[in-house]
Amino acid sequence: MSTTSLFQITFYLAAPFWALMILAPGWSGTRRVIASPWIVLPPLVIYTVFAIGDFGTLWAVVSRPDLETLRAFLGTPEGAAAIWAHLIAFDLFIGRWMYFDARERDVRHAFLAPILVLTILLSPFGLLAYLAVRSARSPQRTLSARR
């Protein structure tokens, strides 16, 4: 399979899990599926394909961080596709954590759903938004939600 094809399918491998968390949060099937941290496996497999294929360059980038080396690596189709798969996997893992944490803390889905969408698009902002909502929860209500 080509680099372009793998790049293009990476998001679509994660999209069903995002759809479950956003569109069917209370469905028992959603909780069962999202309970597994292995939902991140499909994009991680794609990452592994790229990482193994260009491991020498990747190792040079991560073992001696240098802006120019990173820029050069990301400027290749394989480097860009690898970082994309990495981002998709870790964004999904963060979204999974937010989904369960919000349920535990009784955060209304009306607040969580747009934050999950933001996390898909710009995960650092999504995480910051969720942490702000999470912090705004009263400690008493959070404790009662855990009981």
Protein backbone atom coordinates (compact mmCIF):
# COMPACT_ATOMS: atom_id res chain seq x y z
CA MET A 1 0.00 0.00 0.00
CA SER A 2 1.34 3.45 -0.86
CA THR A 3 2.30 6.17 1.58
CA THR A 4 -0.56 8.32 0.28
CA SER A 5 -3.10 5.53 0.76
CA LEU A 6 -1.93 4.80 4.30
CA PHE A 7 -1.99 8.51 5.12
CA GLN A 8 -5.53 8.84 3.79
CA ILE A 9 -6.98 5.88 5.70
CA THR A 10 -5.35 6.70 9.04
CA PHE A 11 -8.08 9.06 10.24
CA TYR A 12 -10.85 6.81 8.95
CA LEU A 13 -9.54 3.98 11.12
CA ALA A 14 -10.08 6.15 14.22
CA ALA A 15 -13.28 7.92 13.11
CA PRO A 16 -15.74 5.18 14.21
CA PHE A 17 -14.46 5.40 17.78
CA TRP A 18 -14.80 9.20 17.80
CA ALA A 19 -18.32 8.83 16.37
CA LEU A 20 -19.31 6.47 19.18
CA MET A 21 -17.98 8.81 21.89
CA ILE A 22 -19.61 11.89 20.37
CA LEU A 23 -22.87 10.56 18.91
CA ALA A 24 -23.71 7.56 21.11
CA PRO A 25 -22.06 8.25 24.47
CA GLY A 26 -24.64 6.48 26.61
CA TRP A 27 -24.98 3.35 24.50
CA SER A 28 -23.65 0.29 26.32
CA GLY A 29 -21.85 -0.77 23.14
CA THR A 30 -19.91 2.49 23.17
CA ARG A 31 -18.70 1.90 26.70
CA ARG A 32 -17.65 -1.67 25.84
CA VAL A 33 -15.78 -0.68 22.68
CA ILE A 34 -14.12 2.43 24.11
CA ALA A 35 -13.15 0.54 27.29
CA SER A 36 -10.33 -1.10 25.36
CA PRO A 37 -7.18 0.97 25.01
CA TRP A 38 -6.52 -1.16 21.92
CA ILE A 39 -8.82 1.08 19.88
CA VAL A 40 -5.67 3.04 19.06
CA LEU A 41 -4.08 -0.01 17.43
CA PRO A 42 -5.07 0.68 13.78
CA PRO A 43 -3.30 4.07 13.54
CA LEU A 44 -0.40 2.67 15.59
CA VAL A 45 0.03 -0.11 13.06
CA ILE A 46 0.31 2.48 10.30
CA TYR A 47 2.79 4.44 12.41
CA THR A 48 4.82 1.26 12.91
CA VAL A 49 4.92 0.63 9.16
CA PHE A 50 6.46 4.06 8.61
CA ALA A 51 8.67 3.94 11.70
CA ILE A 52 10.22 0.60 10.79
CA GLY A 53 10.55 1.61 7.15
CA ASP A 54 12.66 4.65 8.01
CA PHE A 55 13.85 3.79 11.51
CA GLY A 56 17.35 5.20 11.08
CA THR A 57 16.06 8.65 10.23
CA LEU A 58 13.35 8.50 12.86
CA TRP A 59 15.86 7.48 15.52
CA ALA A 60 18.13 10.39 14.56
CA VAL A 61 15.18 12.77 14.89
CA VAL A 62 14.05 11.57 18.33
CA SER A 63 17.41 10.73 19.90
CA ARG A 64 19.05 14.08 19.13
CA PRO A 65 16.22 16.57 18.73
CA ASP A 66 17.16 19.25 16.26
CA LEU A 67 14.71 21.52 14.48
CA GLU A 68 16.32 21.16 11.05
CA THR A 69 16.51 17.37 11.27
CA LEU A 70 12.87 17.21 12.35
CA ARG A 71 11.82 19.62 9.60
CA ALA A 72 13.64 17.56 6.99
CA PHE A 73 12.04 14.32 8.21
CA LEU A 74 8.54 15.81 8.35
CA GLY A 75 9.11 17.23 4.87
CA THR A 76 9.13 13.70 3.43
CA PRO A 77 5.91 11.86 2.62
CA GLU A 78 6.87 9.06 5.01
CA GLY A 79 7.75 11.45 7.83
CA ALA A 80 4.53 13.42 7.45
CA ALA A 81 2.44 10.23 7.27
CA ALA A 82 4.21 8.82 10.34
CA ILE A 83 3.60 11.90 12.45
CA TRP A 84 -0.02 12.00 11.25
CA ALA A 85 -0.59 8.40 12.40
CA HIS A 86 1.14 9.23 15.69
CA LEU A 87 -1.15 12.22 16.22
CA ILE A 88 -4.30 10.30 15.31
CA ALA A 89 -3.45 7.50 17.76
CA PHE A 90 -2.58 9.78 20.66
CA ASP A 91 -5.50 12.14 20.03
CA LEU A 92 -7.81 9.13 20.18
CA PHE A 93 -6.17 7.95 23.39
CA ILE A 94 -6.68 11.40 24.93
CA GLY A 95 -10.29 11.49 23.71
CA ARG A 96 -10.87 8.05 25.25
CA TRP A 97 -9.52 9.29 28.58
CA MET A 98 -11.73 12.40 28.43
CA TYR A 99 -14.79 10.29 27.62
CA PHE A 100 -14.35 8.09 30.70
CA ASP A 101 -13.17 10.89 32.98
CA ALA A 102 -16.19 13.00 32.04
CA ARG A 103 -18.55 10.12 32.79
CA GLU A 104 -16.88 9.56 36.15
CA ARG A 105 -17.11 13.26 37.01
CA ASP A 106 -20.65 13.65 35.70
CA VAL A 107 -19.63 16.22 33.08
CA ARG A 108 -22.59 16.77 30.80
CA HIS A 109 -22.19 15.44 27.31
CA ALA A 110 -23.34 18.79 25.93
CA PHE A 111 -20.01 20.17 27.21
CA LEU A 112 -17.93 17.14 26.29
CA ALA A 113 -19.10 16.57 22.69
CA PRO A 114 -17.77 19.87 21.28
CA ILE A 115 -14.55 19.37 23.24
CA LEU A 116 -14.12 15.95 21.66
CA VAL A 117 -14.63 17.49 18.21
CA LEU A 118 -12.05 20.15 19.08
CA THR A 119 -9.71 17.37 20.24
CA ILE A 120 -10.04 15.62 16.88
CA LEU A 121 -9.07 18.82 15.07
CA LEU A 122 -6.66 20.54 17.47
CA SER A 123 -5.97 18.16 20.33
CA PRO A 124 -3.90 20.48 22.54
CA PHE A 125 -6.77 22.99 22.57
CA GLY A 126 -9.28 20.21 23.17
CA LEU A 127 -7.28 18.91 26.09
CA LEU A 128 -6.93 22.42 27.55
CA ALA A 129 -10.68 22.99 27.17
CA TYR A 130 -11.48 19.69 28.86
CA LEU A 131 -9.06 20.38 31.71
CA ALA A 132 -10.70 23.78 32.21
CA VAL A 133 -14.19 22.22 32.31
CA ARG A 134 -12.89 19.48 34.60
CA SER A 135 -11.33 22.05 36.95
CA ALA A 136 -14.52 24.08 37.05
CA ARG A 137 -16.43 21.12 38.48
CA SER A 138 -17.09 21.54 42.16
CA PRO A 139 -15.02 19.10 44.26
CA GLN A 140 -18.13 18.03 46.20
CA ARG A 141 -20.00 17.10 43.04
CA THR A 142 -16.99 15.25 41.68
CA LEU A 143 -16.70 13.21 44.87
CA SER A 144 -20.39 12.37 44.86
CA ALA A 145 -20.13 11.25 41.22
CA ARG A 146 -17.46 8.71 42.21
CA ARG A 147 -19.65 7.04 44.85
